Protein backbone atom coordinates (compact mmCIF):
# COMPACT_ATOMS: atom_id res chain seq x y z
CA MET A 1 8.36 -6.25 25.44
CA GLY A 2 9.31 -3.94 28.30
CA MET A 3 6.40 -2.16 29.92
CA ASP A 4 6.28 1.16 31.74
CA VAL A 5 2.59 1.89 31.40
CA PHE A 6 2.89 5.37 32.88
CA GLN A 7 4.38 6.38 29.52
CA ASP A 8 2.07 4.19 27.43
CA ALA A 9 -1.41 4.65 26.02
CA LEU A 10 -3.87 2.05 24.79
CA ILE A 11 -6.01 3.42 21.96
CA LEU A 12 -9.31 1.60 21.34
CA VAL A 13 -10.39 2.53 17.83
CA ASP A 14 -14.11 2.73 17.01
CA VAL A 15 -15.43 -0.29 18.91
CA GLN A 16 -18.97 0.78 18.03
CA ASN A 17 -22.21 -1.03 17.30
CA ASP A 18 -22.27 -0.13 13.63
CA PHE A 19 -18.93 -1.87 13.07
CA CYS A 20 -19.93 -5.11 14.80
CA PRO A 21 -22.02 -8.08 13.58
CA PRO A 22 -24.95 -9.51 15.56
CA SER A 23 -23.81 -10.88 18.91
CA PRO A 24 -23.78 -14.71 18.83
CA GLY A 25 -26.12 -16.33 21.30
CA LYS A 26 -28.14 -13.14 21.80
CA GLU A 27 -31.46 -13.63 20.03
CA GLY A 28 -32.65 -10.52 18.22
CA SER A 29 -29.28 -8.79 18.53
CA PRO A 30 -28.99 -6.41 15.56
CA GLY A 31 -25.90 -6.12 13.44
CA GLY A 32 -24.31 -2.82 12.59
CA ALA A 33 -24.75 -0.93 9.34
CA LEU A 34 -21.08 -1.40 8.46
CA ALA A 35 -20.32 -4.60 10.34
CA VAL A 36 -16.78 -5.92 10.12
CA GLN A 37 -16.61 -9.70 9.94
CA GLU A 38 -15.79 -10.96 13.44
CA GLY A 39 -15.63 -7.35 14.61
CA ASP A 40 -17.07 -8.32 17.97
CA ARG A 41 -14.20 -10.78 18.49
CA VAL A 42 -11.91 -7.88 19.40
CA ILE A 43 -13.91 -7.04 22.52
CA GLY A 44 -12.75 -9.88 24.79
CA PRO A 45 -9.02 -9.21 24.30
CA ILE A 46 -9.61 -5.46 24.54
CA ASN A 47 -11.52 -5.72 27.82
CA ASP A 48 -8.88 -7.95 29.41
CA LEU A 49 -6.03 -5.69 28.36
CA SER A 50 -7.72 -2.36 29.09
CA ARG A 51 -8.64 -3.44 32.64
CA TRP A 52 -5.06 -4.53 33.30
CA PHE A 53 -3.71 -1.40 31.65
CA ALA A 54 -5.80 0.89 33.84
CA GLU A 55 -4.91 -1.07 36.99
CA GLN A 56 -1.23 -0.51 36.20
CA GLY A 57 -1.75 3.24 35.80
CA GLY A 58 -1.72 3.39 32.01
CA THR A 59 -3.88 5.69 29.90
CA VAL A 60 -6.79 4.19 27.95
CA VAL A 61 -8.31 6.27 25.14
CA ALA A 62 -11.36 5.26 23.11
CA THR A 63 -12.37 6.86 19.82
CA GLN A 64 -15.72 7.12 18.07
CA ASP A 65 -16.75 7.82 14.52
CA TRP A 66 -19.29 10.60 15.10
CA HIS A 67 -20.88 11.57 11.81
CA PRO A 68 -23.70 14.06 11.23
CA ALA A 69 -26.64 13.05 9.03
CA GLY A 70 -25.79 13.55 5.37
CA HIS A 71 -22.07 13.03 5.94
CA ILE A 72 -19.85 13.17 2.86
CA SER A 73 -18.76 9.55 3.33
CA PHE A 74 -22.31 8.19 3.03
CA ALA A 75 -23.31 6.79 -0.37
CA SER A 76 -26.81 8.12 0.32
CA SER A 77 -25.39 11.65 0.28
CA HIS A 78 -24.44 11.33 -3.41
CA HIS A 79 -27.22 10.87 -5.97
CA GLY A 80 -26.88 7.67 -7.96
CA ARG A 81 -23.95 6.36 -5.97
CA LYS A 82 -23.77 3.02 -4.17
CA ALA A 83 -21.95 1.89 -1.06
CA TYR A 84 -18.32 0.84 -1.53
CA GLN A 85 -17.88 2.84 -4.72
CA GLU A 86 -15.09 5.42 -4.82
CA LEU A 87 -15.66 9.10 -5.49
CA THR A 88 -13.16 11.83 -6.33
CA LEU A 89 -13.84 14.84 -4.14
CA PRO A 90 -13.37 18.47 -5.25
CA ASP A 91 -9.99 18.62 -3.49
CA GLY A 92 -8.78 15.69 -5.60
CA SER A 93 -8.82 13.13 -2.81
CA THR A 94 -10.56 9.78 -3.14
CA GLN A 95 -13.47 8.94 -0.85
CA VAL A 96 -14.81 5.42 -0.37
CA LEU A 97 -18.59 5.69 -0.01
CA TRP A 98 -20.02 3.76 2.92
CA PRO A 99 -23.47 2.82 4.18
CA GLU A 100 -24.79 5.35 6.67
CA HIS A 101 -23.03 4.58 9.94
CA CYS A 102 -22.18 6.00 13.36
CA VAL A 103 -24.62 8.89 13.08
CA GLN A 104 -24.29 11.17 16.09
CA GLY A 105 -26.49 10.08 18.98
CA SER A 106 -27.66 6.87 17.30
CA TRP A 107 -27.47 3.30 18.59
CA GLY A 108 -24.93 2.55 15.88
CA ALA A 109 -22.57 5.24 17.16
CA ASP A 110 -22.63 3.91 20.72
CA PHE A 111 -19.79 1.79 22.01
CA HIS A 112 -20.60 -1.90 21.75
CA VAL A 113 -22.60 -3.04 24.76
CA ASP A 114 -19.96 -5.62 25.70
CA LEU A 115 -17.09 -3.11 25.74
CA ASP A 116 -16.18 -2.32 29.34
CA PRO A 117 -16.15 1.50 29.60
CA ARG A 118 -14.66 1.66 33.09
CA PRO A 119 -10.96 1.70 32.11
CA ILE A 120 -11.50 4.43 29.49
CA ARG A 121 -10.03 7.74 30.61
CA PHE A 122 -10.59 9.86 27.48
CA ILE A 123 -12.96 9.70 24.49
CA VAL A 124 -12.02 11.30 21.16
CA ARG A 125 -14.74 11.81 18.53
CA LYS A 126 -13.81 12.18 14.88
CA GLY A 127 -15.49 12.69 11.53
CA TRP A 128 -18.08 15.07 12.99
CA ARG A 129 -17.65 17.67 10.24
CA ARG A 130 -20.19 17.08 7.47
CA THR A 131 -17.75 17.58 4.57
CA LEU A 132 -14.71 15.87 6.07
CA ASP A 133 -14.19 12.19 6.82
CA SER A 134 -11.70 10.89 9.36
CA TYR A 135 -9.99 7.51 9.35
CA SER A 136 -7.07 8.37 11.60
CA THR A 137 -7.60 9.05 15.28
CA PHE A 138 -5.01 11.83 14.96
CA PHE A 139 -6.01 13.68 11.77
CA GLU A 140 -9.11 14.20 9.69
CA ASN A 141 -8.80 13.08 6.07
CA ASP A 142 -7.62 16.48 4.85
CA ARG A 143 -4.42 15.53 6.72
CA ARG A 144 -4.30 18.99 8.34
CA THR A 145 -7.19 19.12 10.80
CA THR A 146 -6.20 17.45 14.06
CA THR A 147 -8.43 15.59 16.48
CA GLY A 148 -6.36 16.80 19.44
CA LEU A 149 -5.17 13.30 20.35
CA ASP A 150 -1.50 14.00 19.60
CA ARG A 151 -1.44 17.02 21.89
CA LEU A 152 -3.31 15.13 24.62
CA LEU A 153 -0.93 12.17 24.63
CA LYS A 154 2.23 14.25 24.48
CA GLY A 155 0.89 16.46 27.25
CA LEU A 156 0.59 13.33 29.39
CA GLY A 157 4.16 12.31 28.61
CA ILE A 158 3.12 9.34 26.49
CA GLY A 159 5.87 7.91 24.28
CA ARG A 160 4.37 4.62 23.16
CA VAL A 161 0.90 3.67 21.95
CA PHE A 162 -0.80 0.31 21.58
CA ILE A 163 -3.63 0.24 19.08
CA ALA A 164 -6.64 -2.09 18.94
CA GLY A 165 -10.10 -1.94 17.39
CA LEU A 166 -11.75 -1.52 14.01
CA ALA A 167 -10.99 -1.67 11.21
CA THR A 168 -7.48 -2.92 10.41
CA ASP A 169 -7.37 -1.53 6.87
CA TYR A 170 -8.85 1.90 7.60
CA CYS A 171 -9.00 3.56 11.01
CA VAL A 172 -6.46 1.27 12.68
CA LEU A 173 -4.07 1.55 9.73
CA TYR A 174 -4.15 5.33 9.44
CA SER A 175 -4.04 5.81 13.20
CA ALA A 176 -0.93 3.65 13.48
CA LEU A 177 0.82 5.30 10.52
CA ASP A 178 0.13 8.74 11.96
CA ALA A 179 1.21 7.73 15.45
CA ARG A 180 4.50 6.52 14.03
CA ALA A 181 4.97 9.69 11.97
CA LEU A 182 4.26 11.81 15.04
CA GLY A 183 7.09 10.17 16.92
CA PHE A 184 5.32 7.55 19.03
CA GLN A 185 6.63 4.03 19.26
CA THR A 186 3.60 2.25 17.85
CA VAL A 187 2.30 -1.29 18.36
CA VAL A 188 -0.77 -2.81 16.67
CA LEU A 189 -2.32 -5.71 18.57
CA GLN A 190 -3.21 -8.26 15.92
CA ASP A 191 -5.57 -10.36 18.06
CA ALA A 192 -7.61 -7.24 18.90
CA VAL A 193 -8.19 -5.86 15.40
CA ARG A 194 -10.29 -6.98 12.42
CA GLY A 195 -10.51 -5.59 8.88
CA VAL A 196 -13.33 -4.77 6.49
CA ASP A 197 -11.21 -5.79 3.43
CA VAL A 198 -12.75 -3.27 1.03
CA PRO A 199 -11.49 -3.48 -1.66
CA PRO A 200 -10.45 -7.15 -1.39
CA GLY A 201 -6.83 -7.47 -0.37
CA SER A 202 -6.76 -4.23 1.59
CA VAL A 203 -6.16 -6.01 4.91
CA ASP A 204 -3.02 -7.73 3.64
CA GLN A 205 -1.85 -4.44 2.15
CA ALA A 206 -2.47 -2.73 5.49
CA TRP A 207 -0.20 -5.15 7.34
CA ASP A 208 2.53 -4.61 4.74
CA ARG A 209 2.26 -0.83 5.08
CA LEU A 210 2.42 -1.01 8.86
CA ARG A 211 5.55 -3.14 8.89
CA LYS A 212 7.28 -0.96 6.29
CA ALA A 213 6.51 2.12 8.41
CA GLY A 214 8.21 0.61 11.44
CA VAL A 215 5.01 -0.21 13.33
CA LEU A 216 5.46 -3.19 15.64
CA ILE A 217 3.00 -6.08 15.53
CA SER A 218 2.19 -7.90 18.76
CA ASP A 219 -0.82 -9.30 20.61
CA THR A 220 -2.56 -8.56 23.88
CA ARG A 221 -1.14 -11.60 25.70
CA SER A 222 2.47 -10.67 24.95
CA ILE A 223 2.54 -7.25 26.53
CA ARG A 224 1.42 -8.10 30.05
């Protein structure tokens, strides 16, 4: 895969405490409220690639879920509802209800302690409106409200994006689909993503959707 990192961006999606399990070998390490199985396994490949990427002059962007208390995506915000149930919102869209996670300013919303922040050039926060969730790093879930990432990347002359992080079947999936639709050549790094698989089978479906949309699948070792 040819590399000209001056026209490439590496997008690190939601590598936050609430999406990671307890750190192995670290006694007393808490797990996140919405921990993705093996979510912490993405950090090693991400750190290696992001350091190299920055050294070569590429742009590294990290995103954060950044929800207010009482966010619409929280099961606790809907009387009688439980986590992982689906709810039809007034606009007709379907919302998966999640445990409370990535609340603004909380430990769970922080980047994972093992993620190296030094290569990160920009941070984009999403889902900060109380009545609007955001899976994609480009658009909130109303599919109209932008996060500003598209304009940022195009303003920097970026033509290709590499995507890593959490979770494969939600924020990684929608970010990659939107990147492709916005005209970016888009690559998902399969060794640096993990899925929540809610409902079961959603990770396999995500990979199918990515391939059908023309998203390339690679890994962090193949692009250096």
